[in-house]
Structures are given as C-alpha cells and as structure tokens.
Amino acid sequence: MNQAQMMAQVRKMQQEMTRVQEELANTIVEGSAGGGAVTVAVNGDFKVTKVSLKPEAVDPEDIETLEDLVVVAFNDALGKVQALSSSKMGALTGGMRIPGLM
C-alpha cells in the first residue's frame, strides 16, 4: 500500500468517525432507578437532556433517598452511553483504543 492509499484510508476513517460521533450525539439513552421513579436521559455526548421524577419519588421527609435514586439513575444512563460509545467506536476502529475517542 502506498502513502496516497494510506492517506485515503485515514481520511475515510476520519469521516466515518465524525459520522458515528454525530450519530452518538443524537442518540438518547435513559437510565433509571427505583423501578422508574427516577429517570435520566443522556445523549451520546454525555450531556443530560432530561430528568424525570415520579411523585412517589419525592418525599420531603426523605430527601436522601431521592438523592440516592438520582445518583443511581445518572450512573445507569452514563454506563449505557459509555457502552454504546465503546461499541460503536470499537467497531469502527477494529478495537484499537484511540485516545480522546473512548
């Protein structure tokens, strides 16, 4: 393979990576806790897009439980986004770990 072919492959891979990153940014993943009492939506850029609380999750006498449920829901959503991102980028890069992408 000559240098021109290699550069063409690199450009193609960069374009594909950009496409996958845009696709991830437009993908919403939900995490939940307490049987759905707390739901958090996060996009593929790891930005929170929505937090939903069911009335039964809100007890003024027990704020600590609500706080714990919110933490669990966030961690659930972030874990799902990380797994999705690793899966999509891993498929693209053939499993190579590229700094800044995963």
PDB file of N, CA and C in Angstrom:
ATOM      1  N   MET A   1       0.854  -1.179   0.000  1.00  0.00           N
ATOM      2  CA  MET A   1       0.000   0.000   0.000  1.00  0.00           C
ATOM      3  C   MET A   1       0.898   1.240   0.000  1.00  0.00           C
ATOM      4  N   ASN A   2       0.618   2.152  -0.925  1.00  0.00           N
ATOM      5  CA  ASN A   2       1.435   3.353  -0.979  1.00  0.00           C
ATOM      6  C   ASN A   2       0.873   4.427  -0.047  1.00  0.00           C
ATOM      7  N   GLN A   3       1.625   5.503   0.082  1.00  0.00           N
ATOM      8  CA  GLN A   3       1.254   6.567   1.018  1.00  0.00           C
ATOM      9  C   GLN A   3      -0.079   7.218   0.638  1.00  0.00           C
ATOM     10  N   ALA A   4      -0.351   7.390  -0.627  1.00  0.00           N
ATOM     11  CA  ALA A   4      -1.605   8.007  -1.070  1.00  0.00           C
ATOM     12  C   ALA A   4      -2.799   7.134  -0.676  1.00  0.00           C
ATOM     13  N   GLN A   5      -2.649   5.816  -0.844  1.00  0.00           N
ATOM     14  CA  GLN A   5      -3.731   4.905  -0.454  1.00  0.00           C
ATOM     15  C   GLN A   5      -3.948   4.936   1.058  1.00  0.00           C
ATOM     16  N   MET A   6      -2.851   4.977   1.799  1.00  0.00           N
ATOM     17  CA  MET A   6      -2.941   5.022   3.248  1.00  0.00           C
ATOM     18  C   MET A   6      -3.627   6.312   3.713  1.00  0.00           C
ATOM     19  N   MET A   7      -3.285   7.425   3.104  1.00  0.00           N
ATOM     20  CA  MET A   7      -3.904   8.708   3.464  1.00  0.00           C
ATOM     21  C   MET A   7      -5.391   8.702   3.112  1.00  0.00           C
ATOM     22  N   ALA A   8      -5.758   8.070   2.010  1.00  0.00           N
ATOM     23  CA  ALA A   8      -7.165   7.972   1.629  1.00  0.00           C
ATOM     24  C   ALA A   8      -7.922   7.149   2.660  1.00  0.00           C
ATOM     25  N   GLN A   9      -7.313   6.074   3.150  1.00  0.00           N
ATOM     26  CA  GLN A   9      -7.949   5.249   4.184  1.00  0.00           C
ATOM     27  C   GLN A   9      -8.102   6.028   5.487  1.00  0.00           C
ATOM     28  N   VAL A  10      -7.094   6.804   5.834  1.00  0.00           N
ATOM     29  CA  VAL A  10      -7.155   7.615   7.056  1.00  0.00           C
ATOM     30  C   VAL A  10      -8.282   8.638   6.937  1.00  0.00           C
ATOM     31  N   ARG A  11      -8.394   9.301   5.787  1.00  0.00           N
ATOM     32  CA  ARG A  11      -9.473  10.279   5.579  1.00  0.00           C
ATOM     33  C   ARG A  11     -10.842   9.615   5.677  1.00  0.00           C
ATOM     34  N   LYS A  12     -10.950   8.438   5.070  1.00  0.00           N
ATOM     35  CA  LYS A  12     -12.223   7.709   5.121  1.00  0.00           C
ATOM     36  C   LYS A  12     -12.575   7.351   6.563  1.00  0.00           C
ATOM     37  N   MET A  13     -11.595   6.895   7.316  1.00  0.00           N
ATOM     38  CA  MET A  13     -11.830   6.546   8.717  1.00  0.00           C
ATOM     39  C   MET A  13     -12.223   7.789   9.518  1.00  0.00           C
ATOM     40  N   GLN A  14     -11.576   8.915   9.268  1.00  0.00           N
ATOM     41  CA  GLN A  14     -11.923  10.158   9.963  1.00  0.00           C
ATOM     42  C   GLN A  14     -13.357  10.575   9.646  1.00  0.00           C
ATOM     43  N   GLN A  15     -13.755  10.456   8.401  1.00  0.00           N
ATOM     44  CA  GLN A  15     -15.125  10.793   8.016  1.00  0.00           C
ATOM     45  C   GLN A  15     -16.123   9.882   8.710  1.00  0.00           C
ATOM     46  N   GLU A  16     -15.802   8.602   8.758  1.00  0.00           N
ATOM     47  CA  GLU A  16     -16.683   7.641   9.412  1.00  0.00           C
ATOM     48  C   GLU A  16     -16.767   7.912  10.916  1.00  0.00           C
ATOM     49  N   MET A  17     -15.644   8.263  11.524  1.00  0.00           N
ATOM     50  CA  MET A  17     -15.630   8.591  12.948  1.00  0.00           C
ATOM     51  C   MET A  17     -16.488   9.819  13.228  1.00  0.00           C
ATOM     52  N   THR A  18     -16.399  10.811  12.362  1.00  0.00           N
ATOM     53  CA  THR A  18     -17.218  12.011  12.518  1.00  0.00           C
ATOM     54  C   THR A  18     -18.695  11.652  12.413  1.00  0.00           C
ATOM     55  N   ARG A  19     -19.031  10.787  11.457  1.00  0.00           N
ATOM     56  CA  ARG A  19     -20.424  10.369  11.290  1.00  0.00           C
ATOM     57  C   ARG A  19     -20.925   9.638  12.537  1.00  0.00           C
ATOM     58  N   VAL A  20     -20.108   8.738  13.070  1.00  0.00           N
ATOM     59  CA  VAL A  20     -20.502   7.979  14.258  1.00  0.00           C
ATOM     60  C   VAL A  20     -20.637   8.903  15.461  1.00  0.00           C
ATOM     61  N   GLN A  21     -19.722   9.867  15.598  1.00  0.00           N
ATOM     62  CA  GLN A  21     -19.811  10.812  16.713  1.00  0.00           C
ATOM     63  C   GLN A  21     -21.083  11.647  16.617  1.00  0.00           C
ATOM     64  N   GLU A  22     -21.459  12.068  15.412  1.00  0.00           N
ATOM     65  CA  GLU A  22     -22.702  12.819  15.227  1.00  0.00           C
ATOM     66  C   GLU A  22     -23.906  11.941  15.548  1.00  0.00           C
ATOM     67  N   GLU A  23     -23.848  10.683  15.117  1.00  0.00           N
ATOM     68  CA  GLU A  23     -24.928   9.745  15.412  1.00  0.00           C
ATOM     69  C   GLU A  23     -25.068   9.557  16.925  1.00  0.00           C
ATOM     70  N   LEU A  24     -23.939   9.387  17.606  1.00  0.00           N
ATOM     71  CA  LEU A  24     -23.974   9.246  19.062  1.00  0.00           C
ATOM     72  C   LEU A  24     -24.538  10.491  19.733  1.00  0.00           C
ATOM     73  N   ALA A  25     -24.144  11.668  19.255  1.00  0.00           N
ATOM     74  CA  ALA A  25     -24.624  12.914  19.851  1.00  0.00           C
ATOM     75  C   ALA A  25     -26.142  13.028  19.744  1.00  0.00           C
ATOM     76  N   ASN A  26     -26.716  12.415  18.719  1.00  0.00           N
ATOM     77  CA  ASN A  26     -28.164  12.471  18.517  1.00  0.00           C
ATOM     78  C   ASN A  26     -28.897  11.280  19.131  1.00  0.00           C
ATOM     79  N   THR A  27     -28.163  10.406  19.794  1.00  0.00           N
ATOM     80  CA  THR A  27     -28.762   9.234  20.429  1.00  0.00           C
ATOM     81  C   THR A  27     -29.025   9.547  21.898  1.00  0.00           C
ATOM     82  N   ILE A  28     -30.227   9.270  22.341  1.00  0.00           N
ATOM     83  CA  ILE A  28     -30.594   9.492  23.738  1.00  0.00           C
ATOM     84  C   ILE A  28     -30.696   8.131  24.426  1.00  0.00           C
ATOM     85  N   VAL A  29     -30.052   8.022  25.581  1.00  0.00           N
ATOM     86  CA  VAL A  29     -30.069   6.805  26.377  1.00  0.00           C
ATOM     87  C   VAL A  29     -30.667   7.164  27.728  1.00  0.00           C
ATOM     88  N   GLU A  30     -31.517   6.287  28.256  1.00  0.00           N
ATOM     89  CA  GLU A  30     -32.135   6.539  29.556  1.00  0.00           C
ATOM     90  C   GLU A  30     -31.591   5.584  30.601  1.00  0.00           C
ATOM     91  N   GLY A  31     -31.422   6.135  31.790  1.00  0.00           N
ATOM     92  CA  GLY A  31     -31.088   5.348  32.963  1.00  0.00           C
ATOM     93  C   GLY A  31     -32.189   5.573  33.971  1.00  0.00           C
ATOM     94  N   SER A  32     -32.424   4.582  34.818  1.00  0.00           N
ATOM     95  CA  SER A  32     -33.490   4.754  35.790  1.00  0.00           C
ATOM     96  C   SER A  32     -33.130   4.104  37.109  1.00  0.00           C
ATOM     97  N   ALA A  33     -33.906   4.441  38.124  1.00  0.00           N
ATOM     98  CA  ALA A  33     -33.734   3.868  39.453  1.00  0.00           C
ATOM     99  C   ALA A  33     -35.094   3.835  40.130  1.00  0.00           C
ATOM    100  N   GLY A  34     -35.184   3.003  41.143  1.00  0.00           N
ATOM    101  CA  GLY A  34     -36.428   2.931  41.899  1.00  0.00           C
ATOM    102  C   GLY A  34     -37.593   2.450  41.061  1.00  0.00           C
ATOM    103  N   GLY A  35     -37.354   1.498  40.181  1.00  0.00           N
ATOM    104  CA  GLY A  35     -38.422   0.988  39.345  1.00  0.00           C
ATOM    105  C   GLY A  35     -39.006   2.034  38.409  1.00  0.00           C
ATOM    106  N   GLY A  36     -38.164   2.982  37.986  1.00  0.00           N
ATOM    107  CA  GLY A  36     -38.623   4.031  37.069  1.00  0.00           C
ATOM    108  C   GLY A  36     -39.104   5.292  37.777  1.00  0.00           C
ATOM    109  N   ALA A  37     -38.955   5.329  39.103  1.00  0.00           N
ATOM    110  CA  ALA A  37     -39.364   6.526  39.848  1.00  0.00           C
ATOM    111  C   ALA A  37     -38.497   7.723  39.473  1.00  0.00           C
ATOM    112  N   VAL A  38     -37.241   7.454  39.136  1.00  0.00           N
ATOM    113  CA  VAL A  38     -36.317   8.497  38.684  1.00  0.00           C
ATOM    114  C   VAL A  38     -35.744   8.033  37.352  1.00  0.00           C
ATOM    115  N   THR A  39     -35.844   8.887  36.340  1.00  0.00           N
ATOM    116  CA  THR A  39     -35.308   8.578  35.012  1.00  0.00           C
ATOM    117  C   THR A  39     -34.440   9.734  34.553  1.00  0.00           C
ATOM    118  N   VAL A  40     -33.296   9.396  33.983  1.00  0.00           N
ATOM    119  CA  VAL A  40     -32.360  10.392  33.473  1.00  0.00           C
ATOM    120  C   VAL A  40     -32.068  10.058  32.013  1.00  0.00           C
ATOM    121  N   ALA A  41     -32.156  11.055  31.148  1.00  0.00           N
ATOM    122  CA  ALA A  41     -31.830  10.884  29.730  1.00  0.00           C
ATOM    123  C   ALA A  41     -30.511  11.602  29.451  1.00  0.00           C
ATOM    124  N   VAL A  42     -29.624  10.899  28.757  1.00  0.00           N
ATOM    125  CA  VAL A  42     -28.297  11.422  28.437  1.00  0.00           C
ATOM    126  C   VAL A  42     -28.042  11.142  26.964  1.00  0.00           C
ATOM    127  N   ASN A  43     -27.432  12.110  26.265  1.00  0.00           N
ATOM    128  CA  ASN A  43     -27.109  11.848  24.861  1.00  0.00           C
ATOM    129  C   ASN A  43     -25.708  11.262  24.749  1.00  0.00           C
ATOM    130  N   GLY A  44     -25.327  10.908  23.540  1.00  0.00           N
ATOM    131  CA  GLY A  44     -24.038  10.285  23.298  1.00  0.00           C
ATOM    132  C   GLY A  44     -22.846  11.180  23.550  1.00  0.00           C
ATOM    133  N   ASP A  45     -23.085  12.465  23.765  1.00  0.00           N
ATOM    134  CA  ASP A  45     -22.024  13.403  24.148  1.00  0.00           C
ATOM    135  C   ASP A  45     -21.923  13.523  25.666  1.00  0.00           C
ATOM    136  N   PHE A  46     -22.635  12.645  26.369  1.00  0.00           N
ATOM    137  CA  PHE A  46     -22.656  12.637  27.832  1.00  0.00           C
ATOM    138  C   PHE A  46     -23.277  13.901  28.413  1.00  0.00           C
ATOM    139  N   LYS A  47     -24.220  14.477  27.691  1.00  0.00           N
ATOM    140  CA  LYS A  47     -24.941  15.651  28.180  1.00  0.00           C
ATOM    141  C   LYS A  47     -26.329  15.210  28.615  1.00  0.00           C
ATOM    142  N   VAL A  48     -26.727  15.648  29.801  1.00  0.00           N
ATOM    143  CA  VAL A  48     -28.048  15.312  30.321  1.00  0.00           C
ATOM    144  C   VAL A  48     -29.080  16.108  29.537  1.00  0.00           C
ATOM    145  N   THR A  49     -30.101  15.408  29.049  1.00  0.00           N
ATOM    146  CA  THR A  49     -31.148  16.079  28.286  1.00  0.00           C
ATOM    147  C   THR A  49     -32.458  16.171  29.051  1.00  0.00           C
ATOM    148  N   LYS A  50     -32.626  15.285  30.065  1.00  0.00           N
ATOM    149  CA  LYS A  50     -33.875  15.314  30.815  1.00  0.00           C
ATOM    150  C   LYS A  50     -33.729  14.525  32.112  1.00  0.00           C
ATOM    151  N   VAL A  51     -34.399  15.009  33.144  1.00  0.00           N
ATOM    152  CA  VAL A  51     -34.519  14.290  34.409  1.00  0.00           C
ATOM    153  C   VAL A  51     -36.006  14.237  34.730  1.00  0.00           C
ATOM    154  N   SER A  52     -36.516  13.036  35.004  1.00  0.00           N
ATOM    155  CA  SER A  52     -37.929  12.876  35.340  1.00  0.00           C
ATOM    156  C   SER A  52     -38.060  12.237  36.711  1.00  0.00           C
ATOM    157  N   LEU A  53     -38.946  12.822  37.523  1.00  0.00           N
ATOM    158  CA  LEU A  53     -39.215  12.296  38.855  1.00  0.00           C
ATOM    159  C   LEU A  53     -40.699  12.010  38.971  1.00  0.00           C
ATOM    160  N   LYS A  54     -41.032  10.799  39.361  1.00  0.00           N
ATOM    161  CA  LYS A  54     -42.432  10.483  39.614  1.00  0.00           C
ATOM    162  C   LYS A  54     -42.782  11.010  41.006  1.00  0.00           C
ATOM    163  N   PRO A  55     -44.029  11.414  41.210  1.00  0.00           N
ATOM    164  CA  PRO A  55     -44.425  11.976  42.504  1.00  0.00           C
ATOM    165  C   PRO A  55     -44.062  11.095  43.698  1.00  0.00           C
ATOM    166  N   GLU A  56     -44.149   9.777  43.527  1.00  0.00           N
ATOM    167  CA  GLU A  56     -43.843   8.895  44.659  1.00  0.00           C
ATOM    168  C   GLU A  56     -42.362   8.913  45.052  1.00  0.00           C
ATOM    169  N   ALA A  57     -41.509   9.438  44.181  1.00  0.00           N
ATOM    170  CA  ALA A  57     -40.083   9.531  44.496  1.00  0.00           C
ATOM    171  C   ALA A  57     -39.780  10.739  45.364  1.00  0.00           C
ATOM    172  N   VAL A  58     -40.715  11.669  45.436  1.00  0.00           N
ATOM    173  CA  VAL A  58     -40.479  12.924  46.145  1.00  0.00           C
ATOM    174  C   VAL A  58     -41.175  12.879  47.510  1.00  0.00           C
ATOM    175  N   ASP A  59     -40.376  12.682  48.542  1.00  0.00           N
ATOM    176  CA  ASP A  59     -40.865  12.678  49.913  1.00  0.00           C
ATOM    177  C   ASP A  59     -40.065  13.723  50.679  1.00  0.00           C
ATOM    178  N   PRO A  60     -40.692  14.865  51.017  1.00  0.00           N
ATOM    179  CA  PRO A  60     -39.969  15.924  51.730  1.00  0.00           C
ATOM    180  C   PRO A  60     -39.320  15.444  53.033  1.00  0.00           C
ATOM    181  N   GLU A  61     -39.834  14.358  53.574  1.00  0.00           N
ATOM    182  CA  GLU A  61     -39.278  13.813  54.813  1.00  0.00           C
ATOM    183  C   GLU A  61     -38.054  12.929  54.559  1.00  0.00           C
ATOM    184  N   ASP A  62     -37.801  12.576  53.288  1.00  0.00           N
ATOM    185  CA  ASP A  62     -36.723  11.646  52.962  1.00  0.00           C
ATOM    186  C   ASP A  62     -35.996  12.065  51.681  1.00  0.00           C
ATOM    187  N   ILE A  63     -35.351  13.201  51.744  1.00  0.00           N
ATOM    188  CA  ILE A  63     -34.603  13.731  50.587  1.00  0.00           C
ATOM    189  C   ILE A  63     -33.427  12.823  50.230  1.00  0.00           C
ATOM    190  N   GLU A  64     -32.815  12.189  51.221  1.00  0.00           N
ATOM    191  CA  GLU A  64     -31.642  11.348  50.965  1.00  0.00           C
ATOM    192  C   GLU A  64     -31.957  10.202  50.006  1.00  0.00           C
ATOM    193  N   THR A  65     -33.111   9.594  50.120  1.00  0.00           N
ATOM    194  CA  THR A  65     -33.473   8.502  49.213  1.00  0.00           C
ATOM    195  C   THR A  65     -33.597   9.021  47.789  1.00  0.00           C
ATOM    196  N   LEU A  66     -34.222  10.174  47.616  1.00  0.00           N
ATOM    197  CA  LEU A  66     -34.340  10.770  46.281  1.00  0.00           C
ATOM    198  C   LEU A  66     -32.956  11.069  45.715  1.00  0.00           C
ATOM    199  N   GLU A  67     -32.083  11.625  46.534  1.00  0.00           N
ATOM    200  CA  GLU A  67     -30.720  11.910  46.074  1.00  0.00           C
ATOM    201  C   GLU A  67     -30.024  10.624  45.622  1.00  0.00           C
ATOM    202  N   ASP A  68     -30.178   9.551  46.400  1.00  0.00           N
ATOM    203  CA  ASP A  68     -29.571   8.271  46.038  1.00  0.00           C
ATOM    204  C   ASP A  68     -30.142   7.744  44.723  1.00  0.00           C
ATOM    205  N   LEU A  69     -31.451   7.868  44.541  1.00  0.00           N
ATOM    206  CA  LEU A  69     -32.075   7.403  43.301  1.00  0.00           C
ATOM    207  C   LEU A  69     -31.573   8.194  42.097  1.00  0.00           C
ATOM    208  N   VAL A  70     -31.380   9.490  42.267  1.00  0.00           N
ATOM    209  CA  VAL A  70     -30.875  10.324  41.173  1.00  0.00           C
ATOM    210  C   VAL A  70     -29.451   9.892  40.798  1.00  0.00           C
ATOM    211  N   VAL A  71     -28.623   9.633  41.797  1.00  0.00           N
ATOM    212  CA  VAL A  71     -27.247   9.185  41.533  1.00  0.00           C
ATOM    213  C   VAL A  71     -27.263   7.855  40.782  1.00  0.00           C
ATOM    214  N   VAL A  72     -28.086   6.910  41.228  1.00  0.00           N
ATOM    215  CA  VAL A  72     -28.163   5.602  40.574  1.00  0.00           C
ATOM    216  C   VAL A  72     -28.643   5.754  39.131  1.00  0.00           C
ATOM    217  N   ALA A  73     -29.653   6.599  38.911  1.00  0.00           N
ATOM    218  CA  ALA A  73     -30.181   6.803  37.557  1.00  0.00           C
ATOM    219  C   ALA A  73     -29.123   7.429  36.644  1.00  0.00           C
ATOM    220  N   PHE A  74     -28.391   8.424  37.149  1.00  0.00           N
ATOM    221  CA  PHE A  74     -27.326   9.035  36.349  1.00  0.00           C
ATOM    222  C   PHE A  74     -26.261   8.001  36.001  1.00  0.00           C
ATOM    223  N   ASN A  75     -25.814   7.237  36.980  1.00  0.00           N
ATOM    224  CA  ASN A  75     -24.778   6.239  36.728  1.00  0.00           C
ATOM    225  C   ASN A  75     -25.254   5.175  35.749  1.00  0.00           C
ATOM    226  N   ASP A  76     -26.522   4.799  35.836  1.00  0.00           N
ATOM    227  CA  ASP A  76     -27.093   3.835  34.900  1.00  0.00           C
ATOM    228  C   ASP A  76     -27.054   4.391  33.477  1.00  0.00           C
ATOM    229  N   ALA A  77     -27.493   5.627  33.309  1.00  0.00           N
ATOM    230  CA  ALA A  77     -27.505   6.249  31.977  1.00  0.00           C
ATOM    231  C   ALA A  77     -26.089   6.424  31.436  1.00  0.00           C
ATOM    232  N   LEU A  78     -25.182   6.909  32.271  1.00  0.00           N
ATOM    233  CA  LEU A  78     -23.807   7.124  31.814  1.00  0.00           C
ATOM    234  C   LEU A  78     -23.118   5.815  31.443  1.00  0.00           C
ATOM    235  N   GLY A  79     -23.384   4.766  32.199  1.00  0.00           N
ATOM    236  CA  GLY A  79     -22.825   3.459  31.862  1.00  0.00           C
ATOM    237  C   GLY A  79     -23.324   2.962  30.519  1.00  0.00           C
ATOM    238  N   LYS A  80     -24.611   3.184  30.249  1.00  0.00           N
ATOM    239  CA  LYS A  80     -25.179   2.765  28.967  1.00  0.00           C
ATOM    240  C   LYS A  80     -24.587   3.562  27.811  1.00  0.00           C
ATOM    241  N   VAL A  81     -24.385   4.871  28.006  1.00  0.00           N
ATOM    242  CA  VAL A  81     -23.791   5.703  26.957  1.00  0.00           C
ATOM    243  C   VAL A  81     -22.350   5.266  26.699  1.00  0.00           C
ATOM    244  N   GLN A  82     -21.611   4.996  27.768  1.00  0.00           N
ATOM    245  CA  GLN A  82     -20.223   4.557  27.613  1.00  0.00           C
ATOM    246  C   GLN A  82     -20.162   3.247  26.843  1.00  0.00           C
ATOM    247  N   ALA A  83     -21.030   2.320  27.178  1.00  0.00           N
ATOM    248  CA  ALA A  83     -21.050   1.030  26.483  1.00  0.00           C
ATOM    249  C   ALA A  83     -21.411   1.209  25.011  1.00  0.00           C
ATOM    250  N   LEU A  84     -22.404   2.050  24.740  1.00  0.00           N
ATOM    251  CA  LEU A  84     -22.807   2.306  23.356  1.00  0.00           C
ATOM    252  C   LEU A  84     -21.673   2.953  22.568  1.00  0.00           C
ATOM    253  N   SER A  85     -21.038   3.946  23.164  1.00  0.00           N
ATOM    254  CA  SER A  85     -19.933   4.642  22.507  1.00  0.00           C
ATOM    255  C   SER A  85     -18.770   3.687  22.244  1.00  0.00           C
ATOM    256  N   SER A  86     -18.411   2.893  23.232  1.00  0.00           N
ATOM    257  CA  SER A  86     -17.310   1.938  23.051  1.00  0.00           C
ATOM    258  C   SER A  86     -17.636   0.926  21.963  1.00  0.00           C
ATOM    259  N   SER A  87     -18.873   0.481  21.931  1.00  0.00           N
ATOM    260  CA  SER A  87     -19.292  -0.490  20.931  1.00  0.00           C
ATOM    261  C   SER A  87     -19.203   0.084  19.523  1.00  0.00           C
ATOM    262  N   LYS A  88     -19.758   1.285  19.341  1.00  0.00           N
ATOM    263  CA  LYS A  88     -19.766   1.891  18.009  1.00  0.00           C
ATOM    264  C   LYS A  88     -18.365   2.277  17.561  1.00  0.00           C
ATOM    265  N   MET A  89     -17.593   2.878  18.442  1.00  0.00           N
ATOM    266  CA  MET A  89     -16.243   3.294  18.070  1.00  0.00           C
ATOM    267  C   MET A  89     -15.327   2.089  17.936  1.00  0.00           C
ATOM    268  N   GLY A  90     -15.522   1.074  18.789  1.00  0.00           N
ATOM    269  CA  GLY A  90     -14.711  -0.132  18.711  1.00  0.00           C
ATOM    270  C   GLY A  90     -14.922  -0.850  17.390  1.00  0.00           C
ATOM    271  N   ALA A  91     -16.167  -0.874  16.930  1.00  0.00           N
ATOM    272  CA  ALA A  91     -16.462  -1.498  15.642  1.00  0.00           C
ATOM    273  C   ALA A  91     -15.765  -0.743  14.516  1.00  0.00           C
ATOM    274  N   LEU A  92     -15.706   0.559  14.660  1.00  0.00           N
ATOM    275  CA  LEU A  92     -15.097   1.401  13.629  1.00  0.00           C
ATOM    276  C   LEU A  92     -13.574   1.278  13.616  1.00  0.00           C
ATOM    277  N   THR A  93     -12.976   1.216  14.805  1.00  0.00           N
ATOM    278  CA  THR A  93     -11.519   1.213  14.900  1.00  0.00           C
ATOM    279  C   THR A  93     -10.927  -0.184  15.008  1.00  0.00           C
ATOM    280  N   GLY A  94     -11.783  -1.195  14.897  1.00  0.00           N
ATOM    281  CA  GLY A  94     -11.294  -2.567  14.995  1.00  0.00           C
ATOM    282  C   GLY A  94     -10.771  -2.908  16.366  1.00  0.00           C
ATOM    283  N   GLY A  95     -11.271  -2.214  17.385  1.00  0.00           N
ATOM    284  CA  GLY A  95     -10.859  -2.489  18.753  1.00  0.00           C
ATOM    285  C   GLY A  95      -9.655  -1.700  19.212  1.00  0.00           C
ATOM    286  N   MET A  96      -9.035  -0.928  18.305  1.00  0.00           N
ATOM    287  CA  MET A  96      -7.893  -0.106  18.726  1.00  0.00           C
ATOM    288  C   MET A  96      -8.407   0.992  19.645  1.00  0.00           C
ATOM    289  N   ARG A  97      -7.689   1.232  20.736  1.00  0.00           N
ATOM    290  CA  ARG A  97      -8.062   2.313  21.647  1.00  0.00           C
ATOM    291  C   ARG A  97      -7.357   3.582  21.179  1.00  0.00           C
ATOM    292  N   ILE A  98      -8.141   4.541  20.755  1.00  0.00           N
ATOM    293  CA  ILE A  98      -7.588   5.786  20.256  1.00  0.00           C
ATOM    294  C   ILE A  98      -7.864   6.869  21.296  1.00  0.00           C
ATOM    295  N   PRO A  99      -6.843   7.482  21.861  1.00  0.00           N
ATOM    296  CA  PRO A  99      -7.036   8.500  22.892  1.00  0.00           C
ATOM    297  C   PRO A  99      -7.985   9.596  22.411  1.00  0.00           C
ATOM    298  N   GLY A 100      -8.888   9.988  23.334  1.00  0.00           N
ATOM    299  CA  GLY A 100      -9.826  11.055  23.026  1.00  0.00           C
ATOM    300  C   GLY A 100     -11.105  10.583  22.377  1.00  0.00           C
ATOM    301  N   LEU A 101     -11.187   9.316  21.993  1.00  0.00           N
ATOM    302  CA  LEU A 101     -12.397   8.815  21.345  1.00  0.00           C
ATOM    303  C   LEU A 101     -13.198   7.913  22.267  1.00  0.00           C
ATOM    304  N   MET A 102     -12.544   7.289  23.232  1.00  0.00           N
ATOM    305  CA  MET A 102     -13.273   6.362  24.100  1.00  0.00           C
ATOM    306  C   MET A 102     -12.846   6.564  25.514  1.00  0.00           C
TER     307      MET A 102
END
